């Protein structure tokens, strides 16, 4: 809890932070966003202003220092008694073993420096542990890394609350200078995400493991035995997240290239691609050209026309009907859910791909990648990375709770920049993916009732679908190895008119009511990341 005497200090720092941001490169990159935020603030629209300020301030260099002041209270070290945690320090970690030992001593955690032959023998490590093996937890650390003073108390509390078969508990971390003073680059981590962990080790060096886990004794050392210990347990356990910064690291592993997805083309199921459209023949033609160039052993296309009346569009629909695809006529007001549900009912494919008509396809194997992932027993909906025409990210998965509803993760991020630990570039489970391009097994789509045409005619129908699939154990998957370009809402427009705005408000209210997005924390996000920013920045 923030002390009352700290509030004036926090206000001053916040104002200085804003002033710094205005004069920094961040302002030069987004001057319009700053001006819009100030305009809404001056007009008394505090929520709108916060939505604009949050990503700008949260991404600035001083944001984490402000966060640390606001969250200064931490659990006190455990006083006396047996602490069932033993740290194992990699003497070859490249940093100061003494600095690590000092921080462990301050936290009340026993330590063993691992060097020589012990680094190659997991069983030998277990023999060196004090206390009953069945009650002991290990904390593998790299030399030079430090732990927070309250780390033992926080971990012991988590141990007491964990399930009896829990085998790994991990915490957040940041980067600290060699003197242990300057803290930067906090990593507020998602709940356990096995798909993400396949491509990004966010556990090693910031977790504890049950010593009685049989996998540890079988570990063969060699290079980076800390990561070997962690992987030996994580691959068989469901790790538990502790949302506190308990580890202060000197460095993190570098990003490694993502391996291409293995595609067995003979095993790919038939897919029906569904493309809703209305007028804008230019957009539809580009989309269909991309489909024609797609390399996939068997797929058909259904174009659902929702009342086109422009001569160019009618001519194109007449030209393609029965040749490259089938055209369905769907009259009446635009209802994305009803349009797609009708097409799914008439689809022949074992999988369906919902595809907006304003999506531009330049990657030939995009559908094979998405279909391969959608065929997994644990996966429901799969979505690709979508870019705006200018190259910035439009969709990299969906995060619940941002803005009270749901929003696209990492929107407007440059895909060549790191962003938040390269999350935008890594395959991972997400709470939802966008229906602008979404692949799912047809039987699973039907089993959860398809899209809800009553509650979500236009917006949030994809989020609702993904959440229903998630509830059945079929998780949503973001797959950036498939990348397309999305000319967002060019054919239908945005909901800025009074009727559209009222409908959007109703659909947002329905989403909040059904899935509690206004107060629910997305497990793949973090409570200390801003709920007012689509980019993953510190919440202030």
Protein backbone atom coordinates (compact mmCIF):
# COMPACT_ATOMS: atom_id res chain seq x y z
CA UNK A 1 0.00 0.00 0.00
CA UNK A 2 1.34 3.47 -0.91
CA UNK A 3 2.02 5.59 2.19
CA UNK A 4 0.28 9.01 2.37
CA UNK A 5 3.59 10.82 2.83
CA UNK A 6 4.80 9.35 -0.47
CA UNK A 7 1.93 10.68 -2.57
CA UNK A 8 3.34 14.20 -3.14
CA UNK A 9 6.68 12.68 -4.11
CA UNK A 10 4.97 10.35 -6.55
CA UNK A 11 3.06 13.25 -8.13
CA UNK A 12 6.24 15.25 -8.62
CA UNK A 13 8.02 12.27 -10.15
CA UNK A 14 5.06 11.62 -12.43
CA UNK A 15 5.09 15.21 -13.66
CA UNK A 16 8.85 15.06 -14.24
CA UNK A 17 8.38 11.77 -16.05
CA UNK A 18 5.80 13.33 -18.34
CA UNK A 19 8.07 16.33 -18.95
CA UNK A 20 10.97 14.01 -19.73
CA UNK A 21 8.80 12.03 -22.12
CA UNK A 22 7.75 15.18 -23.97
CA UNK A 23 11.38 16.10 -24.58
CA UNK A 24 12.50 12.57 -25.39
CA UNK A 25 12.50 10.62 -28.61
CA UNK A 26 9.24 9.02 -27.56
CA UNK A 27 7.45 12.34 -28.08
CA UNK A 28 9.07 12.82 -31.46
CA UNK A 29 7.83 9.37 -32.49
CA UNK A 30 4.25 9.99 -31.34
CA UNK A 31 3.55 13.74 -31.03
CA UNK A 32 -0.05 13.35 -32.15
CA UNK A 33 -0.76 10.84 -29.37
CA UNK A 34 0.62 13.25 -26.76
CA UNK A 35 -1.47 16.14 -28.07
CA UNK A 36 -4.61 13.99 -28.14
CA UNK A 37 -3.97 12.84 -24.56
CA UNK A 38 -3.52 16.43 -23.36
CA UNK A 39 -6.66 17.53 -25.21
CA UNK A 40 -8.80 14.87 -23.55
CA UNK A 41 -7.30 15.69 -20.15
CA UNK A 42 -8.05 19.41 -20.53
CA UNK A 43 -11.63 18.58 -21.54
CA UNK A 44 -12.08 16.57 -18.35
CA UNK A 45 -12.19 13.19 -20.13
CA UNK A 46 -9.83 11.52 -17.68
CA UNK A 47 -10.42 7.92 -18.86
CA UNK A 48 -9.77 8.77 -22.50
CA UNK A 49 -6.72 10.77 -21.51
CA UNK A 50 -5.40 7.84 -19.48
CA UNK A 51 -5.88 5.50 -22.43
CA UNK A 52 -3.63 7.82 -24.46
CA UNK A 53 -1.07 8.59 -21.76
CA UNK A 54 -0.61 5.01 -20.50
CA UNK A 55 1.43 3.58 -23.40
CA UNK A 56 3.46 6.77 -23.71
CA UNK A 57 4.41 7.03 -20.04
CA UNK A 58 4.63 3.28 -19.41
CA UNK A 59 7.21 2.87 -22.17
CA UNK A 60 9.45 5.71 -20.94
CA UNK A 61 12.72 5.03 -19.19
CA UNK A 62 11.58 6.38 -15.81
CA UNK A 63 8.32 4.43 -15.62
CA UNK A 64 9.82 1.46 -13.79
CA UNK A 65 11.46 3.71 -11.20
CA UNK A 66 8.08 5.24 -10.47
CA UNK A 67 6.56 1.77 -10.27
CA UNK A 68 9.24 0.68 -7.78
CA UNK A 69 8.43 3.65 -5.54
CA UNK A 70 4.73 2.84 -5.63
CA UNK A 71 5.41 -0.82 -4.86
CA UNK A 72 8.21 -0.36 -2.33
CA UNK A 73 6.56 -2.52 0.36
CA UNK A 74 7.72 -6.11 0.11
CA UNK A 75 7.42 -9.14 2.45
CA UNK A 76 9.93 -9.09 5.29
CA UNK A 77 12.58 -11.83 5.43
CA UNK A 78 11.58 -14.93 7.36
CA UNK A 79 12.88 -14.74 10.90
CA UNK A 80 14.41 -17.94 12.33
CA UNK A 81 13.34 -21.49 11.62
CA UNK A 82 13.97 -23.75 8.68
CA UNK A 83 13.57 -22.27 5.19
CA UNK A 84 12.97 -25.15 2.76
CA UNK A 85 14.87 -23.44 -0.08
CA UNK A 86 18.48 -24.02 -1.07
CA UNK A 87 20.08 -21.91 -3.77
CA UNK A 88 22.44 -23.57 -6.25
CA UNK A 89 24.85 -21.00 -7.68
CA UNK A 90 26.49 -21.63 -11.03
CA UNK A 91 30.08 -20.60 -10.34
CA UNK A 92 30.64 -20.23 -14.09
CA UNK A 93 27.77 -17.80 -14.54
CA UNK A 94 30.16 -14.96 -15.36
CA UNK A 95 29.23 -12.74 -12.43
CA UNK A 96 30.19 -12.27 -8.80
CA UNK A 97 29.46 -15.34 -6.69
CA UNK A 98 30.07 -13.21 -3.60
CA UNK A 99 27.35 -10.73 -4.58
CA UNK A 100 24.88 -13.57 -5.03
CA UNK A 101 25.83 -15.12 -1.68
CA UNK A 102 25.38 -11.80 0.11
CA UNK A 103 21.87 -11.30 -1.27
CA UNK A 104 20.90 -14.87 -0.34
CA UNK A 105 22.23 -14.41 3.16
CA UNK A 106 20.18 -11.21 3.55
CA UNK A 107 17.09 -13.09 2.39
CA UNK A 108 17.74 -16.02 4.75
CA UNK A 109 18.27 -18.59 2.00
CA UNK A 110 20.97 -21.27 2.28
CA UNK A 111 23.29 -21.66 -0.70
CA UNK A 112 25.61 -24.16 -2.38
CA UNK A 113 28.19 -23.00 -4.92
CA UNK A 114 28.22 -25.52 -7.74
CA UNK A 115 31.59 -25.98 -9.42
CA UNK A 116 33.76 -28.71 -10.86
CA UNK A 117 32.33 -32.21 -11.25
CA UNK A 118 29.16 -31.37 -9.31
CA UNK A 119 28.00 -29.24 -12.26
CA UNK A 120 27.80 -32.39 -14.35
CA UNK A 121 26.02 -34.64 -11.87
CA UNK A 122 22.41 -34.02 -10.90
CA UNK A 123 22.40 -36.88 -8.42
CA UNK A 124 25.53 -35.46 -6.78
CA UNK A 125 23.76 -32.13 -6.31
CA UNK A 126 20.91 -33.80 -4.47
CA UNK A 127 23.33 -35.54 -2.11
CA UNK A 128 24.78 -32.20 -1.00
CA UNK A 129 21.43 -30.75 0.11
CA UNK A 130 20.77 -30.11 3.82
CA UNK A 131 17.50 -31.13 5.46
CA UNK A 132 14.90 -33.67 4.35
CA UNK A 133 15.00 -34.08 0.57
CA UNK A 134 11.24 -34.43 0.27
CA UNK A 135 10.73 -30.97 1.83
CA UNK A 136 13.48 -29.09 0.01
CA UNK A 137 13.12 -26.73 -2.93
CA UNK A 138 16.04 -25.71 -5.15
CA UNK A 139 16.74 -22.22 -6.49
CA UNK A 140 19.21 -22.54 -9.40
CA UNK A 141 20.92 -19.18 -9.93
CA UNK A 142 23.61 -17.68 -12.13
CA UNK A 143 26.60 -16.09 -10.41
CA UNK A 144 26.10 -12.34 -10.16
CA UNK A 145 22.31 -12.52 -9.86
CA UNK A 146 20.65 -11.34 -6.66
CA UNK A 147 17.38 -12.05 -4.88
CA UNK A 148 15.05 -9.61 -3.15
CA UNK A 149 15.17 -9.49 0.66
CA UNK A 150 11.63 -10.81 0.83
CA UNK A 151 12.19 -13.63 -1.66
CA UNK A 152 12.18 -16.40 0.94
CA UNK A 153 8.95 -15.20 2.56
CA UNK A 154 7.23 -14.83 -0.81
CA UNK A 155 8.30 -18.26 -2.04
CA UNK A 156 7.46 -20.01 1.25
CA UNK A 157 4.00 -18.46 1.11
CA UNK A 158 3.58 -19.69 -2.45
CA UNK A 159 4.76 -23.18 -1.44
CA UNK A 160 2.12 -23.30 1.30
CA UNK A 161 -0.64 -22.36 -1.17
CA UNK A 162 0.53 -24.55 -4.06
CA UNK A 163 -1.03 -27.88 -4.94
CA UNK A 164 0.73 -30.91 -3.40
CA UNK A 165 2.03 -31.99 -6.80
CA UNK A 166 3.36 -28.54 -7.75
CA UNK A 167 6.99 -28.85 -8.79
CA UNK A 168 8.03 -25.38 -10.00
CA UNK A 169 7.24 -21.83 -8.85
CA UNK A 170 8.58 -18.84 -10.77
CA UNK A 171 8.64 -15.09 -10.17
CA UNK A 172 9.21 -11.84 -12.03
CA UNK A 173 12.65 -10.30 -12.42
CA UNK A 174 14.49 -7.18 -13.50
CA UNK A 175 18.03 -6.21 -14.54
CA UNK A 176 20.40 -4.73 -11.95
CA UNK A 177 23.80 -3.16 -12.40
CA UNK A 178 26.91 -4.89 -10.92
CA UNK A 179 26.65 -2.70 -7.81
CA UNK A 180 23.07 -3.77 -7.21
CA UNK A 181 21.61 -0.26 -7.40
CA UNK A 182 20.11 0.63 -10.81
CA UNK A 183 17.07 -1.49 -11.69
CA UNK A 184 15.80 -1.58 -15.28
CA UNK A 185 13.89 -3.72 -17.79
CA UNK A 186 11.36 -5.49 -15.55
CA UNK A 187 9.96 -8.76 -16.83
CA UNK A 188 6.38 -9.12 -15.66
CA UNK A 189 5.75 -12.67 -16.76
CA UNK A 190 2.65 -14.46 -18.04
CA UNK A 191 1.03 -17.42 -16.37
CA UNK A 192 2.46 -20.74 -17.51
CA UNK A 193 2.53 -20.74 -21.30
CA UNK A 194 4.02 -23.99 -22.57
CA UNK A 195 4.02 -22.85 -26.20
CA UNK A 196 5.89 -19.65 -25.37
CA UNK A 197 8.39 -21.58 -23.22
CA UNK A 198 9.26 -23.73 -26.26
CA UNK A 199 10.72 -20.60 -27.88
CA UNK A 200 11.63 -18.41 -24.91
CA UNK A 201 12.97 -19.64 -21.55
CA UNK A 202 11.44 -17.18 -19.10
CA UNK A 203 11.90 -19.44 -16.04
CA UNK A 204 15.62 -20.25 -15.67
CA UNK A 205 17.34 -18.12 -13.04
CA UNK A 206 14.08 -16.92 -11.48
CA UNK A 207 12.30 -19.94 -10.01
CA UNK A 208 12.39 -22.70 -7.40
CA UNK A 209 12.04 -26.47 -8.03
CA UNK A 210 11.07 -29.38 -5.83
CA UNK A 211 14.24 -31.31 -5.01
CA UNK A 212 12.34 -34.60 -4.84
CA UNK A 213 11.42 -34.30 -8.50
CA UNK A 214 12.92 -37.42 -10.07
CA UNK A 215 13.99 -35.61 -13.22
CA UNK A 216 16.63 -33.58 -11.37
CA UNK A 217 18.73 -36.57 -10.37
CA UNK A 218 18.93 -37.67 -14.00
CA UNK A 219 20.14 -34.32 -15.32
CA UNK A 220 23.53 -34.38 -16.97
CA UNK A 221 25.39 -31.14 -16.59
CA UNK A 222 27.62 -29.40 -19.04
CA UNK A 223 26.85 -25.99 -20.47
CA UNK A 224 24.12 -24.06 -18.64
CA UNK A 225 23.05 -26.70 -16.13
CA UNK A 226 20.72 -24.12 -14.54
CA UNK A 227 18.52 -24.18 -17.63
CA UNK A 228 18.84 -27.97 -17.82
CA UNK A 229 17.48 -28.35 -14.31
CA UNK A 230 14.57 -26.02 -15.05
CA UNK A 231 13.65 -27.66 -18.33
CA UNK A 232 13.79 -31.12 -16.75
CA UNK A 233 11.00 -30.08 -14.36
CA UNK A 234 9.03 -27.59 -16.49
CA UNK A 235 8.51 -30.07 -19.31
CA UNK A 236 6.57 -32.37 -16.93
CA UNK A 237 5.01 -29.98 -14.44
CA UNK A 238 2.53 -27.12 -14.56
CA UNK A 239 4.61 -24.22 -13.21
CA UNK A 240 3.00 -21.79 -10.78
CA UNK A 241 3.42 -18.04 -11.25
CA UNK A 242 4.25 -15.65 -8.41
CA UNK A 243 3.57 -12.04 -9.49
CA UNK A 244 6.39 -10.32 -7.61
CA UNK A 245 9.86 -9.19 -8.65
CA UNK A 246 12.01 -11.51 -6.54
CA UNK A 247 15.09 -11.79 -8.78
CA UNK A 248 17.54 -9.09 -9.85
CA UNK A 249 19.59 -10.35 -12.77
CA UNK A 250 22.76 -9.13 -14.43
CA UNK A 251 21.74 -10.33 -17.85
CA UNK A 252 19.22 -12.50 -19.69
CA UNK A 253 19.70 -14.98 -22.52
CA UNK A 254 19.73 -13.52 -26.01
CA UNK A 255 16.89 -14.12 -28.43
CA UNK A 256 17.43 -17.20 -30.58
CA UNK A 257 15.93 -17.69 -34.07
CA UNK A 258 12.60 -19.50 -34.20
CA UNK A 259 12.78 -22.80 -36.05
CA UNK A 260 10.45 -23.23 -39.04
CA UNK A 261 7.29 -25.20 -38.30
CA UNK A 262 7.34 -28.79 -39.52
CA UNK A 263 4.50 -29.24 -42.00
CA UNK A 264 3.39 -32.69 -43.17
CA UNK A 265 1.46 -31.75 -46.30
CA UNK A 266 -0.04 -35.19 -46.80
CA UNK A 267 -1.64 -34.91 -43.34
CA UNK A 268 -3.23 -31.49 -43.89
CA UNK A 269 -7.04 -31.64 -43.78
CA UNK A 270 -9.33 -29.96 -46.32
CA UNK A 271 -10.10 -26.33 -45.41
CA UNK A 272 -12.98 -24.08 -46.38
CA UNK A 273 -12.00 -20.41 -46.48
CA UNK A 274 -14.90 -18.05 -45.75
CA UNK A 275 -14.64 -14.47 -47.03
CA UNK A 276 -17.47 -12.03 -46.16
CA UNK A 277 -17.63 -9.07 -48.52
CA UNK A 278 -19.65 -6.03 -49.54
CA UNK A 279 -18.63 -3.90 -52.52
CA UNK A 280 -14.90 -2.90 -52.63
CA UNK A 281 -14.06 -5.17 -55.55
CA UNK A 282 -10.47 -3.91 -55.38
CA UNK A 283 -9.96 -5.38 -51.91
CA UNK A 284 -11.70 -8.66 -52.70
CA UNK A 285 -9.66 -9.13 -55.88
CA UNK A 286 -6.39 -8.75 -53.97
CA UNK A 287 -7.57 -11.19 -51.30
CA UNK A 288 -8.62 -13.78 -53.89
CA UNK A 289 -5.36 -13.40 -55.80
CA UNK A 290 -3.52 -14.23 -52.58
CA UNK A 291 -5.70 -17.30 -52.08
CA UNK A 292 -5.01 -18.40 -55.64
CA UNK A 293 -1.27 -18.29 -54.94
CA UNK A 294 -1.60 -20.13 -51.61
CA UNK A 295 0.19 -23.49 -51.48
CA UNK A 296 -2.18 -25.92 -49.79
CA UNK A 297 -3.14 -29.41 -50.95
CA UNK A 298 -6.90 -28.99 -50.66
CA UNK A 299 -9.06 -25.98 -49.87
CA UNK A 300 -12.17 -24.33 -51.25
CA UNK A 301 -13.47 -20.79 -50.87
CA UNK A 302 -16.90 -19.43 -50.02
CA UNK A 303 -17.41 -15.71 -50.63
CA UNK A 304 -20.44 -14.42 -48.72
CA UNK A 305 -21.84 -11.27 -50.33
CA UNK A 306 -23.66 -9.01 -47.90
CA UNK A 307 -25.60 -6.79 -50.28
CA UNK A 308 -23.05 -5.53 -52.78
CA UNK A 309 -24.55 -2.97 -55.18
CA UNK A 310 -21.54 -1.45 -56.93
CA UNK A 311 -21.19 -2.56 -60.58
CA UNK A 312 -17.51 -3.51 -60.19
CA UNK A 313 -18.25 -5.73 -57.21
CA UNK A 314 -21.24 -7.41 -58.88
CA UNK A 315 -19.15 -8.08 -61.99
CA UNK A 316 -16.34 -9.66 -59.95
CA UNK A 317 -18.77 -11.82 -57.99
CA UNK A 318 -20.35 -13.06 -61.19
CA UNK A 319 -16.94 -13.83 -62.63
CA UNK A 320 -15.70 -15.90 -59.71
CA UNK A 321 -18.91 -17.74 -58.79
CA UNK A 322 -18.54 -21.41 -59.65
CA UNK A 323 -15.03 -21.00 -60.98
CA UNK A 324 -12.48 -20.17 -58.32
CA UNK A 325 -15.00 -20.20 -55.48
CA UNK A 326 -18.66 -20.34 -54.49
CA UNK A 327 -20.65 -17.16 -53.82
CA UNK A 328 -23.42 -17.09 -51.20
CA UNK A 329 -25.87 -14.17 -51.06
CA UNK A 330 -26.63 -12.96 -47.53
CA UNK A 331 -29.02 -10.00 -47.43
CA UNK A 332 -29.80 -7.74 -44.51
CA UNK A 333 -27.77 -5.65 -42.05
CA UNK A 334 -24.14 -6.59 -41.54
CA UNK A 335 -23.87 -9.34 -38.94
CA UNK A 336 -20.43 -10.90 -39.05
CA UNK A 337 -21.43 -13.78 -36.80
CA UNK A 338 -24.54 -14.72 -38.79
CA UNK A 339 -22.66 -14.47 -42.10
CA UNK A 340 -19.91 -16.82 -40.99
CA UNK A 341 -22.26 -19.23 -39.21
CA UNK A 342 -24.26 -19.64 -42.41
CA UNK A 343 -21.14 -20.31 -44.45
CA UNK A 344 -19.84 -22.83 -41.90
CA UNK A 345 -23.14 -24.72 -42.17
CA UNK A 346 -22.52 -25.13 -45.91
CA UNK A 347 -18.75 -25.71 -45.70
CA UNK A 348 -17.21 -28.96 -46.93
CA UNK A 349 -13.83 -28.58 -45.25
CA UNK A 350 -12.85 -30.33 -42.04
CA UNK A 351 -11.34 -27.00 -41.00
CA UNK A 352 -12.66 -23.52 -41.57
CA UNK A 353 -10.71 -20.32 -42.08
CA UNK A 354 -12.52 -17.06 -41.47
CA UNK A 355 -10.80 -14.43 -43.59
CA UNK A 356 -11.66 -10.76 -44.02
CA UNK A 357 -11.87 -9.47 -47.57
CA UNK A 358 -9.39 -6.70 -46.69
CA UNK A 359 -6.58 -9.15 -45.89
CA UNK A 360 -3.68 -9.20 -48.33
CA UNK A 361 -1.78 -12.49 -48.68
CA UNK A 362 1.86 -12.54 -49.74
CA UNK A 363 3.04 -15.71 -47.96
CA UNK A 364 2.31 -18.94 -49.80
CA UNK A 365 2.46 -21.33 -46.83
CA UNK A 366 0.39 -19.26 -44.39
CA UNK A 367 -2.62 -21.60 -44.47
CA UNK A 368 -0.49 -24.74 -44.07
CA UNK A 369 1.12 -23.23 -40.96
CA UNK A 370 -2.19 -22.27 -39.37
CA UNK A 371 -3.89 -25.56 -40.24
CA UNK A 372 -0.99 -27.58 -38.85
CA UNK A 373 -1.34 -25.81 -35.51
CA UNK A 374 -5.15 -25.97 -35.51
CA UNK A 375 -4.98 -29.75 -35.89
CA UNK A 376 -3.35 -30.19 -32.48
CA UNK A 377 -5.44 -31.87 -29.78
CA UNK A 378 -4.88 -29.00 -27.32
CA UNK A 379 -5.55 -26.10 -29.72
CA UNK A 380 -8.77 -24.40 -30.71
CA UNK A 381 -8.50 -21.19 -32.72
CA UNK A 382 -5.25 -20.19 -34.41
CA UNK A 383 -4.46 -16.71 -35.68
CA UNK A 384 -1.50 -15.26 -37.60
CA UNK A 385 0.41 -12.04 -37.15
CA UNK A 386 -1.37 -9.25 -39.02
CA UNK A 387 0.43 -6.10 -40.13
CA UNK A 388 -0.90 -2.74 -41.20
CA UNK A 389 0.04 -1.71 -44.75
CA UNK A 390 2.79 0.50 -43.27
CA UNK A 391 4.42 -2.59 -41.71
CA UNK A 392 3.46 -2.04 -38.07
CA UNK A 393 1.67 -4.77 -36.12
CA UNK A 394 -2.12 -4.79 -36.19
CA UNK A 395 -2.68 -8.13 -34.42
CA UNK A 396 -0.38 -10.33 -32.34
CA UNK A 397 -2.99 -12.11 -30.27
CA UNK A 398 -5.75 -10.65 -28.10
CA UNK A 399 -5.44 -9.54 -24.48
CA UNK A 400 -8.46 -9.50 -22.17
CA UNK A 401 -9.13 -6.54 -19.92
CA UNK A 402 -7.35 -3.82 -21.89
CA UNK A 403 -9.78 -0.92 -22.02
CA UNK A 404 -12.23 -3.01 -20.01
CA UNK A 405 -12.92 -5.38 -22.87
CA UNK A 406 -10.25 -6.87 -25.13
CA UNK A 407 -7.60 -5.49 -27.45
CA UNK A 408 -4.94 -6.58 -29.91
CA UNK A 409 -1.59 -7.20 -28.26
CA UNK A 410 1.44 -5.17 -29.38
CA UNK A 411 -0.61 -3.07 -31.83
CA UNK A 412 1.46 -0.42 -33.64
CA UNK A 413 4.72 -2.13 -32.61
CA UNK A 414 7.47 -2.25 -35.23
CA UNK A 415 8.00 -5.99 -35.82
CA UNK A 416 11.75 -5.43 -36.24
CA UNK A 417 12.05 -3.93 -32.74
CA UNK A 418 12.21 -6.00 -29.57
CA UNK A 419 9.14 -4.53 -27.91
CA UNK A 420 8.26 -6.58 -24.86
CA UNK A 421 10.83 -9.39 -24.86
CA UNK A 422 10.03 -10.20 -28.53
CA UNK A 423 6.61 -11.52 -27.51
CA UNK A 424 5.11 -10.26 -30.77
CA UNK A 425 7.47 -12.55 -32.70
CA UNK A 426 7.00 -15.76 -30.68
CA UNK A 427 4.36 -18.50 -31.06
CA UNK A 428 2.36 -18.66 -27.84
CA UNK A 429 -0.99 -19.39 -26.27
CA UNK A 430 -3.22 -16.32 -25.93
CA UNK A 431 -6.68 -15.75 -24.55
CA UNK A 432 -8.03 -15.09 -28.05
CA UNK A 433 -7.12 -14.35 -31.65
CA UNK A 434 -8.87 -12.19 -34.21
CA UNK A 435 -11.46 -13.53 -36.67
CA UNK A 436 -9.96 -11.32 -39.38
CA UNK A 437 -7.97 -14.49 -40.05
CA UNK A 438 -8.77 -17.47 -37.86
CA UNK A 439 -8.45 -21.23 -38.46
CA UNK A 440 -10.31 -23.82 -36.37
CA UNK A 441 -11.59 -27.36 -36.77
CA UNK A 442 -15.19 -27.19 -37.99
CA UNK A 443 -16.44 -29.76 -35.46
CA UNK A 444 -14.97 -27.76 -32.57
CA UNK A 445 -16.50 -24.55 -33.92
CA UNK A 446 -19.91 -26.23 -34.04
CA UNK A 447 -19.50 -27.94 -30.67
CA UNK A 448 -19.28 -24.59 -28.87
CA UNK A 449 -22.20 -23.14 -30.84
CA UNK A 450 -20.24 -21.11 -33.38
CA UNK A 451 -20.31 -17.32 -33.27
CA UNK A 452 -22.99 -15.63 -31.16
CA UNK A 453 -25.05 -13.67 -33.69
CA UNK A 454 -27.35 -12.22 -31.02
CA UNK A 455 -24.90 -10.79 -28.48
CA UNK A 456 -21.93 -10.17 -30.79
CA UNK A 457 -23.13 -9.28 -34.27
CA UNK A 458 -20.02 -7.28 -35.18
CA UNK A 459 -17.52 -6.86 -32.34
CA UNK A 460 -15.98 -9.32 -29.87
CA UNK A 461 -17.53 -12.40 -31.53
CA UNK A 462 -14.04 -13.81 -32.04
CA UNK A 463 -13.13 -13.24 -28.38
CA UNK A 464 -16.33 -14.97 -27.26
CA UNK A 465 -15.66 -17.90 -29.61
CA UNK A 466 -12.09 -18.31 -28.36
CA UNK A 467 -13.18 -18.15 -24.74
CA UNK A 468 -15.78 -20.87 -25.35
CA UNK A 469 -13.13 -23.03 -27.01
CA UNK A 470 -10.69 -22.32 -24.16
CA UNK A 471 -13.30 -23.47 -21.65
CA UNK A 472 -13.38 -26.87 -23.41
CA UNK A 473 -9.60 -27.20 -23.20
CA UNK A 474 -8.88 -26.02 -26.76
CA UNK A 475 -6.54 -23.10 -26.30
CA UNK A 476 -6.11 -20.14 -28.61
CA UNK A 477 -2.74 -19.94 -30.35
CA UNK A 478 -0.96 -16.96 -31.88
CA UNK A 479 1.32 -18.06 -34.72
CA UNK A 480 3.60 -15.30 -36.11
CA UNK A 481 5.32 -17.64 -38.57
CA UNK A 482 2.25 -16.89 -40.69
CA UNK A 483 2.11 -13.15 -41.42
CA UNK A 484 -0.47 -11.32 -43.52
CA UNK A 485 -1.39 -7.67 -44.18
CA UNK A 486 -4.72 -6.35 -42.91
CA UNK A 487 -6.28 -3.20 -44.38
CA UNK A 488 -8.44 -2.95 -41.26
CA UNK A 489 -12.15 -2.18 -41.74
CA UNK A 490 -11.68 -0.55 -45.14
CA UNK A 491 -14.75 -2.18 -46.67
CA UNK A 492 -17.11 -1.75 -43.71
CA UNK A 493 -15.69 1.27 -41.90
CA UNK A 494 -15.42 1.98 -38.19
CA UNK A 495 -18.21 2.32 -35.62
CA UNK A 496 -18.14 6.10 -35.24
CA UNK A 497 -21.76 6.89 -36.10
CA UNK A 498 -24.30 6.98 -33.22
CA UNK A 499 -25.94 3.69 -34.23
CA UNK A 500 -22.61 1.88 -34.55
CA UNK A 501 -21.31 3.36 -31.31
CA UNK A 502 -24.44 2.24 -29.45
CA UNK A 503 -24.14 -1.28 -30.84
CA UNK A 504 -20.46 -1.43 -29.88
CA UNK A 505 -21.36 -0.32 -26.35
CA UNK A 506 -23.93 -3.13 -26.10
CA UNK A 507 -21.47 -5.72 -27.32
CA UNK A 508 -18.79 -4.49 -24.93
CA UNK A 509 -21.29 -4.73 -22.07
CA UNK A 510 -22.15 -8.28 -23.14
CA UNK A 511 -18.46 -9.23 -23.18
CA UNK A 512 -17.95 -7.81 -19.68
CA UNK A 513 -21.03 -9.61 -18.40
CA UNK A 514 -20.15 -12.98 -19.91
CA UNK A 515 -16.38 -13.07 -19.40
CA UNK A 516 -15.78 -10.43 -16.68
CA UNK A 517 -13.21 -8.61 -18.80
CA UNK A 518 -13.60 -5.37 -16.86
CA UNK A 519 -11.96 -6.84 -13.76
CA UNK A 520 -10.51 -10.15 -14.90
CA UNK A 521 -6.75 -10.36 -15.35
CA UNK A 522 -5.64 -12.03 -18.56
CA UNK A 523 -3.42 -14.96 -17.51
CA UNK A 524 -1.06 -14.30 -20.42
CA UNK A 525 -0.74 -10.62 -19.48
CA UNK A 526 0.20 -9.42 -15.95
CA UNK A 527 -1.46 -7.36 -13.20
CA UNK A 528 1.47 -4.90 -13.20
CA UNK A 529 1.24 -4.24 -16.93
CA UNK A 530 -1.03 -1.40 -17.99
CA UNK A 531 -4.70 -2.22 -18.66
CA UNK A 532 -4.85 0.95 -20.73
CA UNK A 533 -2.26 0.03 -23.35
CA UNK A 534 -2.20 -2.55 -26.13
CA UNK A 535 1.58 -2.56 -25.89
CA UNK A 536 3.01 -4.30 -22.85
CA UNK A 537 4.18 -1.38 -20.70
CA UNK A 538 4.46 -0.76 -16.95
CA UNK A 539 1.14 0.12 -15.35
CA UNK A 540 1.19 3.49 -13.57
